[in-house]
Amino acid sequence: MEKADDLIDRCNRLIGEGMDFPMIWNSYLKGHRLVLGPPIQSYRNDQPVLRVPLFYRQTLIFMASEAQFAIE
């Protein structure tokens, strides 16, 4: 069973391969079994981020300024 850490690793690899968030959302995250809903625009440390709700009360965060994913 894939875990949230595996999800982050895969998303960050896709970023490294040149994909942007919309491409990753449509091709990988949108139908993923850990994802509960669509991305929500928010702020973290005064920087815009996209938050994707996950199972187990976790949130996948995409920080555009750093071009990386993380879990909260």
PDB file of N, CA and C in Angstrom:
ATOM      1  N   MET A   1       0.839  -1.186   0.000  1.00  0.00           N
ATOM      2  CA  MET A   1       0.000   0.000   0.000  1.00  0.00           C
ATOM      3  C   MET A   1       0.882   1.248   0.000  1.00  0.00           C
ATOM      4  N   GLU A   2       0.579   2.153  -0.878  1.00  0.00           N
ATOM      5  CA  GLU A   2       1.363   3.382  -0.982  1.00  0.00           C
ATOM      6  C   GLU A   2       1.064   4.300   0.194  1.00  0.00           C
ATOM      7  N   LYS A   3       2.108   4.921   0.712  1.00  0.00           N
ATOM      8  CA  LYS A   3       1.984   5.841   1.842  1.00  0.00           C
ATOM      9  C   LYS A   3       2.173   7.270   1.363  1.00  0.00           C
ATOM     10  N   ALA A   4       1.866   8.231   2.249  1.00  0.00           N
ATOM     11  CA  ALA A   4       1.993   9.647   1.905  1.00  0.00           C
ATOM     12  C   ALA A   4       3.428   9.997   1.512  1.00  0.00           C
ATOM     13  N   ASP A   5       4.415   9.396   2.169  1.00  0.00           N
ATOM     14  CA  ASP A   5       5.821   9.670   1.822  1.00  0.00           C
ATOM     15  C   ASP A   5       6.126   9.243   0.385  1.00  0.00           C
ATOM     16  N   ASP A   6       5.550   8.118  -0.038  1.00  0.00           N
ATOM     17  CA  ASP A   6       5.724   7.658  -1.420  1.00  0.00           C
ATOM     18  C   ASP A   6       5.080   8.638  -2.389  1.00  0.00           C
ATOM     19  N   LEU A   7       3.935   9.179  -1.992  1.00  0.00           N
ATOM     20  CA  LEU A   7       3.227  10.154  -2.817  1.00  0.00           C
ATOM     21  C   LEU A   7       4.071  11.411  -3.017  1.00  0.00           C
ATOM     22  N   ILE A   8       4.669  11.899  -1.947  1.00  0.00           N
ATOM     23  CA  ILE A   8       5.537  13.083  -2.035  1.00  0.00           C
ATOM     24  C   ILE A   8       6.733  12.808  -2.940  1.00  0.00           C
ATOM     25  N   ASP A   9       7.381  11.680  -2.729  1.00  0.00           N
ATOM     26  CA  ASP A   9       8.548  11.334  -3.543  1.00  0.00           C
ATOM     27  C   ASP A   9       8.193  11.312  -5.028  1.00  0.00           C
ATOM     28  N   ARG A  10       7.080  10.681  -5.349  1.00  0.00           N
ATOM     29  CA  ARG A  10       6.662  10.586  -6.755  1.00  0.00           C
ATOM     30  C   ARG A  10       6.355  11.968  -7.331  1.00  0.00           C
ATOM     31  N   CYS A  11       5.629  12.793  -6.578  1.00  0.00           N
ATOM     32  CA  CYS A  11       5.283  14.136  -7.055  1.00  0.00           C
ATOM     33  C   CYS A  11       6.532  14.993  -7.243  1.00  0.00           C
ATOM     34  N   ASN A  12       7.470  14.913  -6.317  1.00  0.00           N
ATOM     35  CA  ASN A  12       8.705  15.697  -6.445  1.00  0.00           C
ATOM     36  C   ASN A  12       9.561  15.203  -7.611  1.00  0.00           C
ATOM     37  N   ARG A  13       9.531  13.901  -7.886  1.00  0.00           N
ATOM     38  CA  ARG A  13      10.232  13.385  -9.073  1.00  0.00           C
ATOM     39  C   ARG A  13       9.591  13.934 -10.348  1.00  0.00           C
ATOM     40  N   LEU A  14       8.264  13.986 -10.369  1.00  0.00           N
ATOM     41  CA  LEU A  14       7.567  14.518 -11.549  1.00  0.00           C
ATOM     42  C   LEU A  14       7.890  15.993 -11.761  1.00  0.00           C
ATOM     43  N   ILE A  15       7.990  16.759 -10.681  1.00  0.00           N
ATOM     44  CA  ILE A  15       8.408  18.166 -10.774  1.00  0.00           C
ATOM     45  C   ILE A  15       9.808  18.235 -11.384  1.00  0.00           C
ATOM     46  N   GLY A  16      10.697  17.374 -10.905  1.00  0.00           N
ATOM     47  CA  GLY A  16      12.065  17.333 -11.419  1.00  0.00           C
ATOM     48  C   GLY A  16      12.144  16.960 -12.889  1.00  0.00           C
ATOM     49  N   GLU A  17      11.132  16.230 -13.366  1.00  0.00           N
ATOM     50  CA  GLU A  17      11.082  15.839 -14.779  1.00  0.00           C
ATOM     51  C   GLU A  17      10.435  16.910 -15.645  1.00  0.00           C
ATOM     52  N   GLY A  18      10.055  18.032 -15.028  1.00  0.00           N
ATOM     53  CA  GLY A  18       9.532  19.149 -15.802  1.00  0.00           C
ATOM     54  C   GLY A  18       8.023  19.312 -15.805  1.00  0.00           C
ATOM     55  N   MET A  19       7.314  18.492 -15.061  1.00  0.00           N
ATOM     56  CA  MET A  19       5.858  18.635 -15.010  1.00  0.00           C
ATOM     57  C   MET A  19       5.488  19.763 -14.041  1.00  0.00           C
ATOM     58  N   ASP A  20       4.369  20.438 -14.333  1.00  0.00           N
ATOM     59  CA  ASP A  20       3.887  21.461 -13.412  1.00  0.00           C
ATOM     60  C   ASP A  20       2.711  20.886 -12.609  1.00  0.00           C
ATOM     61  N   PHE A  21       2.201  21.677 -11.644  1.00  0.00           N
ATOM     62  CA  PHE A  21       1.154  21.157 -10.777  1.00  0.00           C
ATOM     63  C   PHE A  21      -0.082  20.702 -11.554  1.00  0.00           C
ATOM     64  N   PRO A  22      -0.616  21.496 -12.495  1.00  0.00           N
ATOM     65  CA  PRO A  22      -1.807  21.020 -13.210  1.00  0.00           C
ATOM     66  C   PRO A  22      -1.596  19.668 -13.914  1.00  0.00           C
ATOM     67  N   MET A  23      -0.433  19.464 -14.475  1.00  0.00           N
ATOM     68  CA  MET A  23      -0.144  18.190 -15.137  1.00  0.00           C
ATOM     69  C   MET A  23      -0.096  17.050 -14.123  1.00  0.00           C
ATOM     70  N   ILE A  24       0.540  17.294 -12.977  1.00  0.00           N
ATOM     71  CA  ILE A  24       0.632  16.266 -11.937  1.00  0.00           C
ATOM     72  C   ILE A  24      -0.752  15.977 -11.360  1.00  0.00           C
ATOM     73  N   TRP A  25      -1.536  17.021 -11.142  1.00  0.00           N
ATOM     74  CA  TRP A  25      -2.888  16.823 -10.622  1.00  0.00           C
ATOM     75  C   TRP A  25      -3.705  15.947 -11.577  1.00  0.00           C
ATOM     76  N   ASN A  26      -3.724  16.298 -12.849  1.00  0.00           N
ATOM     77  CA  ASN A  26      -4.556  15.578 -13.809  1.00  0.00           C
ATOM     78  C   ASN A  26      -4.073  14.168 -14.122  1.00  0.00           C
ATOM     79  N   SER A  27      -2.776  13.966 -14.153  1.00  0.00           N
ATOM     80  CA  SER A  27      -2.256  12.655 -14.555  1.00  0.00           C
ATOM     81  C   SER A  27      -2.003  11.702 -13.388  1.00  0.00           C
ATOM     82  N   TYR A  28      -1.836  12.223 -12.164  1.00  0.00           N
ATOM     83  CA  TYR A  28      -1.438  11.352 -11.067  1.00  0.00           C
ATOM     84  C   TYR A  28      -2.293  11.527  -9.806  1.00  0.00           C
ATOM     85  N   LEU A  29      -2.455  12.743  -9.340  1.00  0.00           N
ATOM     86  CA  LEU A  29      -3.108  12.955  -8.052  1.00  0.00           C
ATOM     87  C   LEU A  29      -4.626  12.825  -8.088  1.00  0.00           C
ATOM     88  N   LYS A  30      -5.241  13.316  -9.122  1.00  0.00           N
ATOM     89  CA  LYS A  30      -6.702  13.403  -9.180  1.00  0.00           C
ATOM     90  C   LYS A  30      -7.392  12.071  -8.874  1.00  0.00           C
ATOM     91  N   GLY A  31      -6.876  10.997  -9.359  1.00  0.00           N
ATOM     92  CA  GLY A  31      -7.490   9.693  -9.135  1.00  0.00           C
ATOM     93  C   GLY A  31      -6.808   8.852  -8.076  1.00  0.00           C
ATOM     94  N   HIS A  32      -5.852   9.423  -7.373  1.00  0.00           N
ATOM     95  CA  HIS A  32      -5.086   8.658  -6.385  1.00  0.00           C
ATOM     96  C   HIS A  32      -5.943   8.317  -5.176  1.00  0.00           C
ATOM     97  N   ARG A  33      -5.799   7.112  -4.651  1.00  0.00           N
ATOM     98  CA  ARG A  33      -6.651   6.664  -3.546  1.00  0.00           C
ATOM     99  C   ARG A  33      -6.400   7.379  -2.224  1.00  0.00           C
ATOM    100  N   LEU A  34      -5.247   8.031  -2.053  1.00  0.00           N
ATOM    101  CA  LEU A  34      -4.993   8.787  -0.826  1.00  0.00           C
ATOM    102  C   LEU A  34      -5.596  10.192  -0.853  1.00  0.00           C
ATOM    103  N   VAL A  35      -5.970  10.672  -2.036  1.00  0.00           N
ATOM    104  CA  VAL A  35      -6.462  12.039  -2.201  1.00  0.00           C
ATOM    105  C   VAL A  35      -7.968  12.088  -1.923  1.00  0.00           C
ATOM    106  N   LEU A  36      -8.363  13.012  -1.032  1.00  0.00           N
ATOM    107  CA  LEU A  36      -9.774  13.152  -0.660  1.00  0.00           C
ATOM    108  C   LEU A  36     -10.533  14.175  -1.487  1.00  0.00           C
ATOM    109  N   GLY A  37      -9.842  15.168  -2.032  1.00  0.00           N
ATOM    110  CA  GLY A  37     -10.543  16.210  -2.757  1.00  0.00           C
ATOM    111  C   GLY A  37      -9.604  17.075  -3.565  1.00  0.00           C
ATOM    112  N   PRO A  38     -10.166  18.081  -4.223  1.00  0.00           N
ATOM    113  CA  PRO A  38      -9.375  18.952  -5.093  1.00  0.00           C
ATOM    114  C   PRO A  38      -8.453  19.884  -4.310  1.00  0.00           C
ATOM    115  N   PRO A  39      -7.462  20.457  -4.991  1.00  0.00           N
ATOM    116  CA  PRO A  39      -6.547  21.388  -4.331  1.00  0.00           C
ATOM    117  C   PRO A  39      -7.278  22.658  -3.900  1.00  0.00           C
ATOM    118  N   ILE A  40      -6.816  23.207  -2.788  1.00  0.00           N
ATOM    119  CA  ILE A  40      -7.365  24.441  -2.230  1.00  0.00           C
ATOM    120  C   ILE A  40      -6.230  25.438  -2.127  1.00  0.00           C
ATOM    121  N   GLN A  41      -6.434  26.627  -2.704  1.00  0.00           N
ATOM    122  CA  GLN A  41      -5.392  27.658  -2.630  1.00  0.00           C
ATOM    123  C   GLN A  41      -5.369  28.245  -1.229  1.00  0.00           C
ATOM    124  N   SER A  42      -4.162  28.421  -0.699  1.00  0.00           N
ATOM    125  CA  SER A  42      -3.979  28.908   0.660  1.00  0.00           C
ATOM    126  C   SER A  42      -2.647  29.643   0.741  1.00  0.00           C
ATOM    127  N   TYR A  43      -2.254  30.002   1.963  1.00  0.00           N
ATOM    128  CA  TYR A  43      -0.959  30.653   2.198  1.00  0.00           C
ATOM    129  C   TYR A  43      -0.233  29.952   3.329  1.00  0.00           C
ATOM    130  N   ARG A  44       1.073  29.900   3.210  1.00  0.00           N
ATOM    131  CA  ARG A  44       1.945  29.344   4.240  1.00  0.00           C
ATOM    132  C   ARG A  44       3.159  30.254   4.307  1.00  0.00           C
ATOM    133  N   ASN A  45       3.412  30.838   5.466  1.00  0.00           N
ATOM    134  CA  ASN A  45       4.513  31.798   5.630  1.00  0.00           C
ATOM    135  C   ASN A  45       4.436  32.898   4.578  1.00  0.00           C
ATOM    136  N   ASP A  46       3.241  33.421   4.375  1.00  0.00           N
ATOM    137  CA  ASP A  46       2.974  34.507   3.420  1.00  0.00           C
ATOM    138  C   ASP A  46       3.259  34.136   1.967  1.00  0.00           C
ATOM    139  N   GLN A  47       3.380  32.859   1.667  1.00  0.00           N
ATOM    140  CA  GLN A  47       3.600  32.388   0.300  1.00  0.00           C
ATOM    141  C   GLN A  47       2.385  31.578  -0.144  1.00  0.00           C
ATOM    142  N   PRO A  48       1.945  31.755  -1.402  1.00  0.00           N
ATOM    143  CA  PRO A  48       0.811  30.954  -1.874  1.00  0.00           C
ATOM    144  C   PRO A  48       1.187  29.481  -2.007  1.00  0.00           C
ATOM    145  N   VAL A  49       0.273  28.625  -1.599  1.00  0.00           N
ATOM    146  CA  VAL A  49       0.448  27.175  -1.702  1.00  0.00           C
ATOM    147  C   VAL A  49      -0.863  26.551  -2.149  1.00  0.00           C
ATOM    148  N   LEU A  50      -0.774  25.342  -2.635  1.00  0.00           N
ATOM    149  CA  LEU A  50      -1.951  24.538  -2.920  1.00  0.00           C
ATOM    150  C   LEU A  50      -1.983  23.401  -1.913  1.00  0.00           C
ATOM    151  N   ARG A  51      -3.125  23.220  -1.271  1.00  0.00           N
ATOM    152  CA  ARG A  51      -3.312  22.161  -0.273  1.00  0.00           C
ATOM    153  C   ARG A  51      -4.257  21.111  -0.846  1.00  0.00           C
ATOM    154  N   VAL A  52      -3.807  19.864  -0.808  1.00  0.00           N
ATOM    155  CA  VAL A  52      -4.617  18.743  -1.283  1.00  0.00           C
ATOM    156  C   VAL A  52      -4.904  17.856  -0.078  1.00  0.00           C
ATOM    157  N   PRO A  53      -6.188  17.745   0.315  1.00  0.00           N
ATOM    158  CA  PRO A  53      -6.513  16.919   1.476  1.00  0.00           C
ATOM    159  C   PRO A  53      -6.284  15.433   1.195  1.00  0.00           C
ATOM    160  N   LEU A  54      -5.684  14.768   2.179  1.00  0.00           N
ATOM    161  CA  LEU A  54      -5.402  13.341   2.087  1.00  0.00           C
ATOM    162  C   LEU A  54      -6.081  12.597   3.230  1.00  0.00           C
ATOM    163  N   PHE A  55      -6.188  11.285   3.079  1.00  0.00           N
ATOM    164  CA  PHE A  55      -6.671  10.457   4.176  1.00  0.00           C
ATOM    165  C   PHE A  55      -5.717  10.563   5.355  1.00  0.00           C
ATOM    166  N   TYR A  56      -6.168  10.108   6.498  1.00  0.00           N
ATOM    167  CA  TYR A  56      -5.376  10.074   7.731  1.00  0.00           C
ATOM    168  C   TYR A  56      -5.028  11.474   8.232  1.00  0.00           C
ATOM    169  N   ARG A  57      -5.930  12.434   7.965  1.00  0.00           N
ATOM    170  CA  ARG A  57      -5.780  13.816   8.443  1.00  0.00           C
ATOM    171  C   ARG A  57      -4.464  14.463   8.006  1.00  0.00           C
ATOM    172  N   GLN A  58      -4.020  14.131   6.847  1.00  0.00           N
ATOM    173  CA  GLN A  58      -2.812  14.733   6.302  1.00  0.00           C
ATOM    174  C   GLN A  58      -3.183  15.623   5.124  1.00  0.00           C
ATOM    175  N   THR A  59      -2.270  16.525   4.787  1.00  0.00           N
ATOM    176  CA  THR A  59      -2.462  17.425   3.658  1.00  0.00           C
ATOM    177  C   THR A  59      -1.191  17.461   2.834  1.00  0.00           C
ATOM    178  N   LEU A  60      -1.345  17.279   1.539  1.00  0.00           N
ATOM    179  CA  LEU A  60      -0.241  17.425   0.603  1.00  0.00           C
ATOM    180  C   LEU A  60      -0.164  18.891   0.235  1.00  0.00           C
ATOM    181  N   ILE A  61       0.998  19.488   0.409  1.00  0.00           N
ATOM    182  CA  ILE A  61       1.202  20.908   0.140  1.00  0.00           C
ATOM    183  C   ILE A  61       2.108  21.046  -1.075  1.00  0.00           C
ATOM    184  N   PHE A  62       1.702  21.894  -2.032  1.00  0.00           N
ATOM    185  CA  PHE A  62       2.580  22.239  -3.138  1.00  0.00           C
ATOM    186  C   PHE A  62       2.979  23.692  -2.979  1.00  0.00           C
ATOM    187  N   MET A  63       4.277  23.910  -2.811  1.00  0.00           N
ATOM    188  CA  MET A  63       4.822  25.252  -2.647  1.00  0.00           C
ATOM    189  C   MET A  63       5.425  25.675  -3.976  1.00  0.00           C
ATOM    190  N   ALA A  64       4.712  26.519  -4.685  1.00  0.00           N
ATOM    191  CA  ALA A  64       5.150  26.943  -6.019  1.00  0.00           C
ATOM    192  C   ALA A  64       6.472  27.696  -5.961  1.00  0.00           C
ATOM    193  N   SER A  65       6.680  28.492  -4.919  1.00  0.00           N
ATOM    194  CA  SER A  65       7.912  29.287  -4.811  1.00  0.00           C
ATOM    195  C   SER A  65       9.149  28.402  -4.703  1.00  0.00           C
ATOM    196  N   GLU A  66       8.964  27.191  -4.144  1.00  0.00           N
ATOM    197  CA  GLU A  66      10.083  26.254  -3.996  1.00  0.00           C
ATOM    198  C   GLU A  66       9.984  25.089  -4.978  1.00  0.00           C
ATOM    199  N   ALA A  67       8.887  25.053  -5.726  1.00  0.00           N
ATOM    200  CA  ALA A  67       8.623  23.970  -6.686  1.00  0.00           C
ATOM    201  C   ALA A  67       8.820  22.606  -6.051  1.00  0.00           C
ATOM    202  N   GLN A  68       8.138  22.393  -4.916  1.00  0.00           N
ATOM    203  CA  GLN A  68       8.219  21.083  -4.263  1.00  0.00           C
ATOM    204  C   GLN A  68       6.962  20.783  -3.475  1.00  0.00           C
ATOM    205  N   PHE A  69       6.781  19.496  -3.189  1.00  0.00           N
ATOM    206  CA  PHE A  69       5.661  19.011  -2.405  1.00  0.00           C
ATOM    207  C   PHE A  69       6.137  18.637  -1.009  1.00  0.00           C
ATOM    208  N   ALA A  70       5.225  18.731  -0.034  1.00  0.00           N
ATOM    209  CA  ALA A  70       5.506  18.330   1.343  1.00  0.00           C
ATOM    210  C   ALA A  70       4.192  17.846   1.960  1.00  0.00           C
ATOM    211  N   ILE A  71       4.286  17.240   3.133  1.00  0.00           N
ATOM    212  CA  ILE A  71       3.101  16.778   3.884  1.00  0.00           C
ATOM    213  C   ILE A  71       2.990  17.565   5.172  1.00  0.00           C
ATOM    214  N   GLU A  72       1.759  17.931   5.489  1.00  0.00           N
ATOM    215  CA  GLU A  72       1.476  18.576   6.789  1.00  0.00           C
ATOM    216  C   GLU A  72       0.536  17.681   7.548  1.00  0.00           C
TER     217      GLU A  72
END
